[in-house]
């Protein structure tokens, strides 16, 4: 059992819920905002149409190892989380990976992102990975502080060099709480998979 909501700053109630295929358009509308923000830290190309395009969106309803979630703050759309299950290339162990994470600017610095991350980690107990570009100076301390707090400083931090055409990034790995550690105020109705 996992939590389905958390109170953030200003008494905002933060919730996450699985995005249905019929809501793919909502994510398609939010992804260009995310990619625009992300283009400050990475070489994100804009298409000739003048739009940012995310080629993997449909995979989140076709691949059983991918999960799309919408973030709400006081029942208002506040962002999204795209996660996937994958095998760790170093040891082959299965882990959840935060592929994309986005909070609308108006909800940033109100702990909406922190609350949403905790909700998603609680929803999928086990091993997690969060990768952050080293060039993303704002996100790096956010993720490291949140993961350190959530995991009670039981996490690994690995730096990739960036090498040939690869971006330098920091990968944080940790274990989320087991079902025994999760509070009983959970509503599994929020999960649609």
N, C-alpha and C. Protein backbone atom coordinates (compact mmCIF):
# COMPACT_ATOMS: atom_id res chain seq x y z
N UNK A 1 0.83 -1.18 0.00
CA UNK A 1 0.00 0.00 0.00
C UNK A 1 0.87 1.24 0.00
N UNK A 2 0.44 2.27 -0.70
CA UNK A 2 1.21 3.50 -0.79
C UNK A 2 0.29 4.70 -0.60
N UNK A 3 0.90 5.83 -0.33
CA UNK A 3 0.13 7.07 -0.20
C UNK A 3 -0.35 7.51 -1.56
N UNK A 4 -1.46 8.18 -1.59
CA UNK A 4 -1.97 8.71 -2.85
C UNK A 4 -1.93 10.23 -2.87
N UNK A 5 -1.66 10.83 -1.69
CA UNK A 5 -1.59 12.29 -1.65
C UNK A 5 -0.68 12.71 -0.50
N UNK A 6 -0.13 13.91 -0.63
CA UNK A 6 0.74 14.50 0.37
C UNK A 6 0.44 15.99 0.40
N UNK A 7 0.52 16.59 1.58
CA UNK A 7 0.36 18.04 1.70
C UNK A 7 1.70 18.71 1.39
N UNK A 8 1.68 19.73 0.57
CA UNK A 8 2.87 20.50 0.24
C UNK A 8 2.77 21.86 0.94
N UNK A 9 3.68 22.77 0.62
CA UNK A 9 3.64 24.11 1.19
C UNK A 9 2.31 24.77 0.82
N UNK A 10 1.88 25.72 1.61
CA UNK A 10 0.63 26.45 1.38
C UNK A 10 -0.58 25.52 1.47
N UNK A 11 -0.43 24.40 2.19
CA UNK A 11 -1.50 23.43 2.37
C UNK A 11 -2.05 22.90 1.05
N UNK A 12 -1.23 22.90 0.00
CA UNK A 12 -1.65 22.30 -1.26
C UNK A 12 -1.63 20.79 -1.13
N UNK A 13 -2.66 20.15 -1.63
CA UNK A 13 -2.70 18.69 -1.64
C UNK A 13 -2.12 18.23 -2.98
N UNK A 14 -1.04 17.46 -2.92
CA UNK A 14 -0.39 16.96 -4.12
C UNK A 14 -0.80 15.51 -4.31
N UNK A 15 -1.25 15.19 -5.52
CA UNK A 15 -1.61 13.82 -5.87
C UNK A 15 -0.98 13.46 -7.21
N UNK A 16 -0.81 12.18 -7.41
CA UNK A 16 -0.39 11.68 -8.71
C UNK A 16 -1.40 10.62 -9.12
N UNK A 17 -1.57 10.46 -10.42
CA UNK A 17 -2.39 9.37 -10.91
C UNK A 17 -1.91 8.95 -12.28
N UNK A 18 -2.12 7.69 -12.54
CA UNK A 18 -1.72 7.13 -13.81
C UNK A 18 -2.46 7.84 -14.94
N UNK A 19 -1.73 8.19 -16.00
CA UNK A 19 -2.35 8.85 -17.16
C UNK A 19 -2.91 7.79 -18.09
N UNK A 20 -4.16 7.90 -18.42
CA UNK A 20 -4.81 6.97 -19.34
C UNK A 20 -4.42 7.31 -20.78
N UNK A 21 -4.56 6.36 -21.68
CA UNK A 21 -4.24 6.59 -23.09
C UNK A 21 -5.06 7.77 -23.63
N UNK A 22 -6.28 7.93 -23.16
CA UNK A 22 -7.12 9.04 -23.61
C UNK A 22 -6.57 10.40 -23.15
N UNK A 23 -5.62 10.39 -22.21
CA UNK A 23 -5.01 11.63 -21.71
C UNK A 23 -3.62 11.87 -22.32
N UNK A 24 -3.27 11.12 -23.33
CA UNK A 24 -1.97 11.30 -23.98
C UNK A 24 -1.81 12.72 -24.50
N UNK A 25 -2.89 13.33 -24.92
CA UNK A 25 -2.84 14.71 -25.40
C UNK A 25 -2.40 15.70 -24.33
N UNK A 26 -2.77 15.43 -23.08
CA UNK A 26 -2.34 16.30 -21.98
C UNK A 26 -0.82 16.25 -21.87
N UNK A 27 -0.27 15.04 -21.89
CA UNK A 27 1.19 14.90 -21.82
C UNK A 27 1.84 15.50 -23.07
N UNK A 28 1.22 15.30 -24.23
CA UNK A 28 1.77 15.87 -25.46
C UNK A 28 1.82 17.39 -25.38
N UNK A 29 0.89 18.00 -24.66
CA UNK A 29 0.90 19.46 -24.50
C UNK A 29 1.94 19.92 -23.48
N UNK A 30 2.18 19.11 -22.45
CA UNK A 30 3.16 19.48 -21.41
C UNK A 30 4.60 19.21 -21.84
N UNK A 31 4.81 18.18 -22.64
CA UNK A 31 6.19 17.80 -23.00
C UNK A 31 6.98 18.92 -23.68
N UNK A 32 6.40 19.71 -24.58
CA UNK A 32 7.20 20.81 -25.17
C UNK A 32 7.64 21.84 -24.12
N UNK A 33 6.83 22.07 -23.10
CA UNK A 33 7.23 23.00 -22.03
C UNK A 33 8.45 22.42 -21.29
N UNK A 34 8.37 21.14 -20.99
CA UNK A 34 9.48 20.44 -20.33
C UNK A 34 10.74 20.49 -21.20
N UNK A 35 10.58 20.18 -22.48
CA UNK A 35 11.73 20.15 -23.38
C UNK A 35 12.33 21.54 -23.57
N UNK A 36 11.49 22.56 -23.59
CA UNK A 36 11.99 23.93 -23.68
C UNK A 36 12.85 24.24 -22.46
N UNK A 37 12.34 23.92 -21.27
CA UNK A 37 13.14 24.13 -20.05
C UNK A 37 14.43 23.33 -20.11
N UNK A 38 14.34 22.09 -20.56
CA UNK A 38 15.48 21.18 -20.60
C UNK A 38 16.53 21.62 -21.62
N UNK A 39 16.12 22.35 -22.64
CA UNK A 39 17.07 22.79 -23.67
C UNK A 39 18.13 23.73 -23.13
N UNK A 40 17.91 24.27 -21.94
CA UNK A 40 18.91 25.11 -21.29
C UNK A 40 20.12 24.29 -20.85
N UNK A 41 19.91 22.98 -20.61
CA UNK A 41 20.97 22.13 -20.07
C UNK A 41 21.47 21.08 -21.04
N UNK A 42 20.75 20.84 -22.11
CA UNK A 42 21.09 19.78 -23.04
C UNK A 42 20.81 20.24 -24.46
N UNK A 43 21.36 19.55 -25.39
CA UNK A 43 21.19 19.88 -26.80
C UNK A 43 19.88 19.29 -27.30
N UNK A 44 18.77 19.91 -26.97
CA UNK A 44 17.46 19.46 -27.40
C UNK A 44 17.11 20.22 -28.67
N UNK A 45 16.97 19.48 -29.76
CA UNK A 45 16.71 20.11 -31.05
C UNK A 45 15.22 20.42 -31.21
N UNK A 46 14.95 21.54 -31.82
CA UNK A 46 13.58 21.90 -32.14
C UNK A 46 13.34 21.49 -33.59
N UNK A 47 12.18 20.93 -33.87
CA UNK A 47 11.86 20.46 -35.22
C UNK A 47 11.69 21.64 -36.17
N UNK A 48 11.72 21.36 -37.46
CA UNK A 48 11.53 22.41 -38.46
C UNK A 48 10.16 23.07 -38.35
N UNK A 49 9.24 22.39 -37.70
CA UNK A 49 7.89 22.95 -37.51
C UNK A 49 7.86 23.98 -36.40
N UNK A 50 8.99 24.13 -35.68
CA UNK A 50 9.05 25.06 -34.57
C UNK A 50 8.57 24.45 -33.26
N UNK A 51 8.42 23.13 -33.24
CA UNK A 51 7.95 22.44 -32.04
C UNK A 51 9.03 21.52 -31.51
N UNK A 52 9.02 21.33 -30.19
CA UNK A 52 9.83 20.29 -29.58
C UNK A 52 9.02 19.00 -29.69
N UNK A 53 9.68 17.93 -30.12
CA UNK A 53 8.98 16.66 -30.29
C UNK A 53 9.61 15.60 -29.39
N UNK A 54 8.75 14.85 -28.71
CA UNK A 54 9.19 13.77 -27.81
C UNK A 54 8.79 12.45 -28.47
N UNK A 55 9.76 11.70 -28.98
CA UNK A 55 9.43 10.52 -29.79
C UNK A 55 8.94 9.29 -29.01
N UNK A 56 9.01 9.30 -27.71
CA UNK A 56 8.70 8.08 -26.94
C UNK A 56 7.34 8.08 -26.26
N UNK A 57 6.54 9.11 -26.44
CA UNK A 57 5.31 9.23 -25.68
C UNK A 57 4.39 8.02 -25.87
N UNK A 58 4.16 7.58 -27.09
CA UNK A 58 3.26 6.45 -27.32
C UNK A 58 3.75 5.17 -26.65
N UNK A 59 5.05 5.07 -26.44
CA UNK A 59 5.62 3.87 -25.79
C UNK A 59 5.04 3.68 -24.39
N UNK A 60 4.61 4.76 -23.76
CA UNK A 60 4.11 4.66 -22.38
C UNK A 60 2.76 3.95 -22.27
N UNK A 61 2.10 3.70 -23.38
CA UNK A 61 0.87 2.90 -23.38
C UNK A 61 1.04 1.62 -24.17
N UNK A 62 2.23 1.41 -24.75
CA UNK A 62 2.50 0.20 -25.52
C UNK A 62 3.47 -0.74 -24.81
N UNK A 63 4.41 -0.20 -24.08
CA UNK A 63 5.44 -0.98 -23.40
C UNK A 63 5.01 -1.21 -21.95
N UNK A 64 4.86 -2.47 -21.53
CA UNK A 64 4.38 -2.74 -20.16
C UNK A 64 5.38 -2.33 -19.07
N UNK A 65 6.59 -1.94 -19.45
CA UNK A 65 7.59 -1.51 -18.47
C UNK A 65 7.69 0.01 -18.36
N UNK A 66 6.74 0.73 -18.95
CA UNK A 66 6.72 2.20 -18.87
C UNK A 66 5.39 2.65 -18.26
N UNK A 67 5.48 3.72 -17.44
CA UNK A 67 4.31 4.18 -16.71
C UNK A 67 4.24 5.71 -16.75
N UNK A 68 3.16 6.26 -17.31
CA UNK A 68 2.97 7.72 -17.31
C UNK A 68 2.09 8.17 -16.15
N UNK A 69 2.48 9.24 -15.48
CA UNK A 69 1.70 9.77 -14.37
C UNK A 69 1.53 11.28 -14.54
N UNK A 70 0.38 11.77 -14.09
CA UNK A 70 0.11 13.21 -14.03
C UNK A 70 0.20 13.65 -12.58
N UNK A 71 0.72 14.85 -12.38
CA UNK A 71 0.84 15.45 -11.04
C UNK A 71 -0.24 16.52 -10.91
N UNK A 72 -0.92 16.51 -9.77
CA UNK A 72 -1.94 17.53 -9.48
C UNK A 72 -1.62 18.19 -8.15
N UNK A 73 -1.86 19.48 -8.07
CA UNK A 73 -1.76 20.25 -6.83
C UNK A 73 -3.11 20.92 -6.62
N UNK A 74 -3.77 20.57 -5.53
CA UNK A 74 -5.13 21.05 -5.28
C UNK A 74 -6.05 20.81 -6.48
N UNK A 75 -5.95 19.63 -7.04
CA UNK A 75 -6.76 19.19 -8.18
C UNK A 75 -6.48 19.95 -9.48
N UNK A 76 -5.41 20.75 -9.51
CA UNK A 76 -5.00 21.44 -10.73
C UNK A 76 -3.79 20.73 -11.32
N UNK A 77 -3.80 20.54 -12.63
CA UNK A 77 -2.68 19.90 -13.30
C UNK A 77 -1.40 20.67 -13.00
N UNK A 78 -0.37 19.97 -12.52
CA UNK A 78 0.87 20.63 -12.11
C UNK A 78 2.11 20.04 -12.77
N UNK A 79 1.98 18.94 -13.51
CA UNK A 79 3.15 18.36 -14.16
C UNK A 79 2.96 16.89 -14.47
N UNK A 80 4.07 16.21 -14.71
CA UNK A 80 4.02 14.79 -15.05
C UNK A 80 5.29 14.08 -14.60
N UNK A 81 5.18 12.77 -14.52
CA UNK A 81 6.32 11.90 -14.25
C UNK A 81 6.22 10.73 -15.23
N UNK A 82 7.29 10.45 -15.93
CA UNK A 82 7.37 9.27 -16.78
C UNK A 82 8.43 8.35 -16.19
N UNK A 83 8.02 7.13 -15.87
CA UNK A 83 8.97 6.19 -15.28
C UNK A 83 9.00 4.92 -16.11
N UNK A 84 10.07 4.16 -15.93
CA UNK A 84 10.18 2.89 -16.63
C UNK A 84 10.94 1.89 -15.77
N UNK A 85 10.64 0.63 -15.99
CA UNK A 85 11.34 -0.45 -15.32
C UNK A 85 12.43 -0.92 -16.27
N UNK A 86 13.64 -1.07 -15.75
CA UNK A 86 14.75 -1.52 -16.60
C UNK A 86 15.74 -2.32 -15.76
N UNK A 87 16.61 -3.03 -16.46
CA UNK A 87 17.67 -3.77 -15.79
C UNK A 87 18.90 -2.89 -15.68
N UNK A 88 19.51 -2.87 -14.52
CA UNK A 88 20.74 -2.11 -14.30
C UNK A 88 21.83 -2.73 -15.17
N UNK A 89 22.48 -1.93 -16.03
CA UNK A 89 23.52 -2.50 -16.91
C UNK A 89 24.73 -3.04 -16.15
N UNK A 90 24.94 -2.61 -14.92
CA UNK A 90 26.11 -3.07 -14.17
C UNK A 90 25.88 -4.42 -13.51
N UNK A 91 24.69 -4.63 -12.93
CA UNK A 91 24.48 -5.90 -12.21
C UNK A 91 23.24 -6.67 -12.65
N UNK A 92 22.49 -6.14 -13.62
CA UNK A 92 21.32 -6.85 -14.14
C UNK A 92 20.10 -6.79 -13.26
N UNK A 93 20.21 -6.19 -12.09
CA UNK A 93 19.06 -6.10 -11.18
C UNK A 93 18.01 -5.16 -11.75
N UNK A 94 16.74 -5.49 -11.53
CA UNK A 94 15.66 -4.64 -11.98
C UNK A 94 15.55 -3.40 -11.12
N UNK A 95 15.22 -2.28 -11.76
CA UNK A 95 15.05 -1.04 -11.02
C UNK A 95 14.09 -0.14 -11.77
N UNK A 96 13.44 0.75 -11.02
CA UNK A 96 12.60 1.77 -11.62
C UNK A 96 13.49 2.98 -11.93
N UNK A 97 13.21 3.63 -13.04
CA UNK A 97 14.00 4.77 -13.49
C UNK A 97 13.07 5.94 -13.75
N UNK A 98 13.41 7.10 -13.21
CA UNK A 98 12.66 8.32 -13.52
C UNK A 98 13.18 8.80 -14.87
N UNK A 99 12.40 8.55 -15.91
CA UNK A 99 12.82 8.93 -17.26
C UNK A 99 12.67 10.43 -17.49
N UNK A 100 11.52 10.98 -17.10
CA UNK A 100 11.25 12.40 -17.26
C UNK A 100 10.42 12.86 -16.05
N UNK A 101 10.70 14.07 -15.60
CA UNK A 101 10.00 14.62 -14.44
C UNK A 101 9.83 16.11 -14.67
N UNK A 102 8.60 16.59 -14.58
CA UNK A 102 8.34 17.99 -14.88
C UNK A 102 7.26 18.56 -13.98
N UNK A 103 7.55 19.72 -13.41
CA UNK A 103 6.58 20.49 -12.61
C UNK A 103 6.46 21.87 -13.26
N UNK A 104 5.24 22.29 -13.51
CA UNK A 104 5.03 23.63 -14.09
C UNK A 104 5.64 24.69 -13.20
N UNK A 105 6.16 25.74 -13.80
CA UNK A 105 6.89 26.77 -13.05
C UNK A 105 6.10 27.37 -11.90
N UNK A 106 4.83 27.56 -12.07
CA UNK A 106 4.00 28.15 -11.01
C UNK A 106 3.90 27.28 -9.76
N UNK A 107 4.26 26.01 -9.88
CA UNK A 107 4.19 25.10 -8.74
C UNK A 107 5.56 24.76 -8.17
N UNK A 108 6.61 25.26 -8.79
CA UNK A 108 7.95 25.00 -8.28
C UNK A 108 8.19 25.82 -7.01
N UNK A 109 9.07 25.33 -6.18
CA UNK A 109 9.43 25.95 -4.91
C UNK A 109 8.27 25.97 -3.91
N UNK A 110 7.31 25.07 -4.14
CA UNK A 110 6.20 24.89 -3.21
C UNK A 110 6.15 23.44 -2.73
N UNK A 111 7.22 22.70 -2.98
CA UNK A 111 7.36 21.29 -2.58
C UNK A 111 6.43 20.35 -3.34
N UNK A 112 5.86 20.81 -4.45
CA UNK A 112 5.01 19.95 -5.26
C UNK A 112 5.86 18.83 -5.89
N UNK A 113 7.03 19.18 -6.41
CA UNK A 113 7.91 18.17 -7.00
C UNK A 113 8.38 17.15 -5.97
N UNK A 114 8.74 17.63 -4.79
CA UNK A 114 9.17 16.72 -3.72
C UNK A 114 8.06 15.75 -3.35
N UNK A 115 6.87 16.28 -3.17
CA UNK A 115 5.74 15.43 -2.79
C UNK A 115 5.43 14.41 -3.89
N UNK A 116 5.45 14.85 -5.14
CA UNK A 116 5.16 13.93 -6.25
C UNK A 116 6.21 12.83 -6.34
N UNK A 117 7.48 13.17 -6.18
CA UNK A 117 8.54 12.16 -6.24
C UNK A 117 8.36 11.12 -5.13
N UNK A 118 8.07 11.58 -3.93
CA UNK A 118 7.86 10.66 -2.80
C UNK A 118 6.67 9.74 -3.08
N UNK A 119 5.61 10.31 -3.63
CA UNK A 119 4.44 9.49 -3.96
C UNK A 119 4.78 8.40 -4.97
N UNK A 120 5.53 8.74 -6.01
CA UNK A 120 5.85 7.74 -7.03
C UNK A 120 6.80 6.68 -6.47
N UNK A 121 7.77 7.09 -5.65
CA UNK A 121 8.69 6.11 -5.05
C UNK A 121 7.94 5.17 -4.13
N UNK A 122 7.00 5.69 -3.36
CA UNK A 122 6.21 4.85 -2.47
C UNK A 122 5.32 3.89 -3.25
N UNK A 123 4.87 4.32 -4.41
CA UNK A 123 3.96 3.51 -5.21
C UNK A 123 4.64 2.27 -5.78
N UNK A 124 5.93 2.34 -6.01
CA UNK A 124 6.70 1.23 -6.57
C UNK A 124 7.85 0.89 -5.63
N UNK A 125 7.59 0.14 -4.57
CA UNK A 125 8.67 -0.20 -3.63
C UNK A 125 9.77 -0.99 -4.33
N UNK A 126 11.01 -0.70 -3.96
CA UNK A 126 12.15 -1.41 -4.54
C UNK A 126 13.26 -0.46 -4.93
N UNK A 127 14.08 -0.91 -5.85
CA UNK A 127 15.26 -0.16 -6.28
C UNK A 127 14.88 0.91 -7.31
N UNK A 128 15.45 2.11 -7.13
CA UNK A 128 15.17 3.25 -8.00
C UNK A 128 16.46 3.88 -8.50
N UNK A 129 16.34 4.52 -9.66
CA UNK A 129 17.43 5.32 -10.20
C UNK A 129 16.86 6.67 -10.65
N UNK A 130 17.58 7.73 -10.32
CA UNK A 130 17.25 9.07 -10.80
C UNK A 130 18.53 9.62 -11.41
N UNK A 131 18.47 9.97 -12.69
CA UNK A 131 19.63 10.51 -13.39
C UNK A 131 19.44 12.01 -13.61
N UNK A 132 20.50 12.78 -13.35
CA UNK A 132 20.43 14.24 -13.47
C UNK A 132 21.64 14.71 -14.26
N UNK A 133 21.41 15.55 -15.25
CA UNK A 133 22.53 16.12 -15.98
C UNK A 133 23.37 16.97 -15.04
N UNK A 134 24.66 16.81 -15.14
CA UNK A 134 25.56 17.59 -14.30
C UNK A 134 25.42 19.09 -14.58
N UNK A 135 25.04 19.43 -15.80
CA UNK A 135 24.87 20.83 -16.19
C UNK A 135 23.59 21.45 -15.63
N UNK A 136 22.68 20.64 -15.12
CA UNK A 136 21.42 21.14 -14.57
C UNK A 136 21.63 21.49 -13.10
N UNK A 137 22.23 22.65 -12.88
CA UNK A 137 22.66 23.07 -11.54
C UNK A 137 21.49 23.27 -10.56
N UNK A 138 20.30 23.54 -11.05
CA UNK A 138 19.16 23.69 -10.15
C UNK A 138 18.59 22.35 -9.72
N UNK A 139 18.54 21.40 -10.63
CA UNK A 139 17.95 20.09 -10.32
C UNK A 139 18.86 19.22 -9.48
N UNK A 140 20.15 19.35 -9.66
CA UNK A 140 21.09 18.47 -8.96
C UNK A 140 20.94 18.54 -7.43
N UNK A 141 20.98 19.73 -6.82
CA UNK A 141 20.80 19.76 -5.37
C UNK A 141 19.38 19.36 -4.93
N UNK A 142 18.38 19.68 -5.74
CA UNK A 142 17.01 19.27 -5.42
C UNK A 142 16.93 17.76 -5.27
N UNK A 143 17.41 17.04 -6.30
CA UNK A 143 17.32 15.58 -6.27
C UNK A 143 18.20 14.98 -5.18
N UNK A 144 19.42 15.48 -5.03
CA UNK A 144 20.30 14.87 -4.03
C UNK A 144 19.75 15.07 -2.61
N UNK A 145 19.27 16.26 -2.31
CA UNK A 145 18.71 16.50 -0.97
C UNK A 145 17.45 15.68 -0.73
N UNK A 146 16.59 15.59 -1.73
CA UNK A 146 15.36 14.83 -1.58
C UNK A 146 15.65 13.33 -1.41
N UNK A 147 16.54 12.81 -2.23
CA UNK A 147 16.88 11.38 -2.15
C UNK A 147 17.58 11.08 -0.83
N UNK A 148 18.47 11.95 -0.40
CA UNK A 148 19.16 11.75 0.89
C UNK A 148 18.15 11.72 2.03
N UNK A 149 17.21 12.64 2.01
CA UNK A 149 16.20 12.70 3.06
C UNK A 149 15.29 11.47 3.01
N UNK A 150 14.81 11.14 1.83
CA UNK A 150 13.88 10.02 1.66
C UNK A 150 14.53 8.69 2.06
N UNK A 151 15.78 8.51 1.64
CA UNK A 151 16.47 7.23 1.88
C UNK A 151 17.24 7.20 3.19
N UNK A 152 17.15 8.26 3.97
CA UNK A 152 17.91 8.42 5.21
C UNK A 152 19.40 8.19 4.91
N UNK A 153 19.87 8.87 3.88
CA UNK A 153 21.27 8.85 3.44
C UNK A 153 21.77 7.48 3.00
N UNK A 154 20.86 6.59 2.61
CA UNK A 154 21.26 5.29 2.08
C UNK A 154 21.05 5.30 0.57
N UNK A 155 21.97 5.93 -0.14
CA UNK A 155 21.89 6.00 -1.59
C UNK A 155 23.30 6.00 -2.17
N UNK A 156 23.38 5.69 -3.45
CA UNK A 156 24.66 5.75 -4.17
C UNK A 156 24.59 6.89 -5.16
N UNK A 157 25.72 7.51 -5.37
CA UNK A 157 25.84 8.63 -6.31
C UNK A 157 26.98 8.29 -7.25
N UNK A 158 26.67 8.14 -8.52
CA UNK A 158 27.69 7.78 -9.51
C UNK A 158 27.74 8.83 -10.61
N UNK A 159 28.94 9.27 -10.93
CA UNK A 159 29.14 10.29 -11.96
C UNK A 159 29.60 9.61 -13.23
N UNK A 160 28.91 9.91 -14.34
CA UNK A 160 29.37 9.42 -15.64
C UNK A 160 30.21 10.51 -16.27
N UNK A 161 31.19 10.12 -17.04
CA UNK A 161 32.15 11.08 -17.59
C UNK A 161 31.57 11.93 -18.71
N UNK A 162 30.62 11.42 -19.41
CA UNK A 162 30.07 12.19 -20.52
C UNK A 162 30.63 11.75 -21.85
N UNK A 163 31.83 11.28 -21.95
CA UNK A 163 32.46 10.72 -23.15
C UNK A 163 31.85 11.11 -24.48
N UNK A 164 32.08 10.30 -25.48
CA UNK A 164 31.64 10.54 -26.86
C UNK A 164 30.13 10.70 -26.96
N UNK A 165 29.68 11.90 -27.22
CA UNK A 165 28.27 12.24 -27.43
C UNK A 165 27.37 11.94 -26.24
N UNK A 166 27.95 11.58 -25.12
CA UNK A 166 27.15 11.35 -23.92
C UNK A 166 27.28 12.55 -23.01
N UNK A 167 26.20 12.91 -22.38
CA UNK A 167 26.22 14.03 -21.45
C UNK A 167 26.71 13.55 -20.09
N UNK A 168 27.46 14.39 -19.44
CA UNK A 168 27.88 14.06 -18.07
C UNK A 168 26.65 14.11 -17.18
N UNK A 169 26.44 13.05 -16.42
CA UNK A 169 25.28 13.00 -15.54
C UNK A 169 25.63 12.32 -14.24
N UNK A 170 24.78 12.58 -13.26
CA UNK A 170 24.89 11.96 -11.95
C UNK A 170 23.72 10.98 -11.86
N UNK A 171 24.01 9.75 -11.48
CA UNK A 171 22.96 8.75 -11.28
C UNK A 171 22.87 8.44 -9.79
N UNK A 172 21.71 8.66 -9.23
CA UNK A 172 21.44 8.32 -7.84
C UNK A 172 20.65 7.01 -7.82
N UNK A 173 21.08 6.06 -7.02
CA UNK A 173 20.33 4.82 -6.84
C UNK A 173 20.04 4.63 -5.36
N UNK A 174 18.87 4.11 -5.08
CA UNK A 174 18.44 3.92 -3.69
C UNK A 174 17.26 2.96 -3.71
N UNK A 175 16.87 2.52 -2.54
CA UNK A 175 15.70 1.66 -2.40
C UNK A 175 14.57 2.47 -1.78
N UNK A 176 13.40 2.35 -2.40
CA UNK A 176 12.25 3.00 -1.80
C UNK A 176 11.74 2.11 -0.67
N UNK A 177 10.84 2.65 0.07
CA UNK A 177 10.33 1.95 1.24
C UNK A 177 9.61 0.66 0.84
N UNK A 178 9.72 -0.32 1.68
CA UNK A 178 8.98 -1.55 1.44
C UNK A 178 7.53 -1.33 1.86
N UNK A 179 6.68 -2.25 1.49
CA UNK A 179 5.26 -2.09 1.84
C UNK A 179 5.06 -1.99 3.34
N UNK A 180 5.94 -2.61 4.12
CA UNK A 180 5.83 -2.53 5.58
C UNK A 180 6.13 -1.13 6.10
N UNK A 181 6.91 -0.34 5.34
CA UNK A 181 7.30 0.99 5.77
C UNK A 181 6.30 2.07 5.35
N UNK A 182 5.36 1.73 4.49
CA UNK A 182 4.47 2.72 3.89
C UNK A 182 3.24 2.93 4.76
N UNK A 183 2.88 4.18 4.99
CA UNK A 183 1.70 4.46 5.81
C UNK A 183 0.43 3.86 5.22
N UNK A 184 -0.56 3.58 6.04
CA UNK A 184 -1.78 2.91 5.57
C UNK A 184 -2.77 3.82 4.86
N UNK A 185 -2.48 5.12 4.69
CA UNK A 185 -3.44 6.04 4.07
C UNK A 185 -3.30 6.05 2.55
N UNK A 186 -3.38 4.87 1.94
CA UNK A 186 -3.09 4.71 0.53
C UNK A 186 -4.35 4.35 -0.24
N UNK A 187 -4.46 4.90 -1.43
CA UNK A 187 -5.58 4.61 -2.29
C UNK A 187 -5.04 4.07 -3.61
N UNK A 188 -5.09 2.77 -3.80
CA UNK A 188 -4.56 2.15 -5.01
C UNK A 188 -5.43 2.44 -6.23
N UNK A 189 -6.56 3.09 -6.04
CA UNK A 189 -7.43 3.48 -7.15
C UNK A 189 -6.74 4.46 -8.09
N UNK A 190 -5.67 5.11 -7.62
CA UNK A 190 -4.98 6.10 -8.44
C UNK A 190 -4.07 5.46 -9.48
N UNK A 191 -3.94 4.17 -9.45
CA UNK A 191 -3.03 3.48 -10.37
C UNK A 191 -3.84 2.77 -11.43
N UNK A 192 -3.53 3.03 -12.69
CA UNK A 192 -4.27 2.46 -13.81
C UNK A 192 -3.32 1.67 -14.68
N UNK A 193 -2.87 0.53 -14.21
CA UNK A 193 -2.01 -0.35 -15.03
C UNK A 193 -2.24 -1.78 -14.61
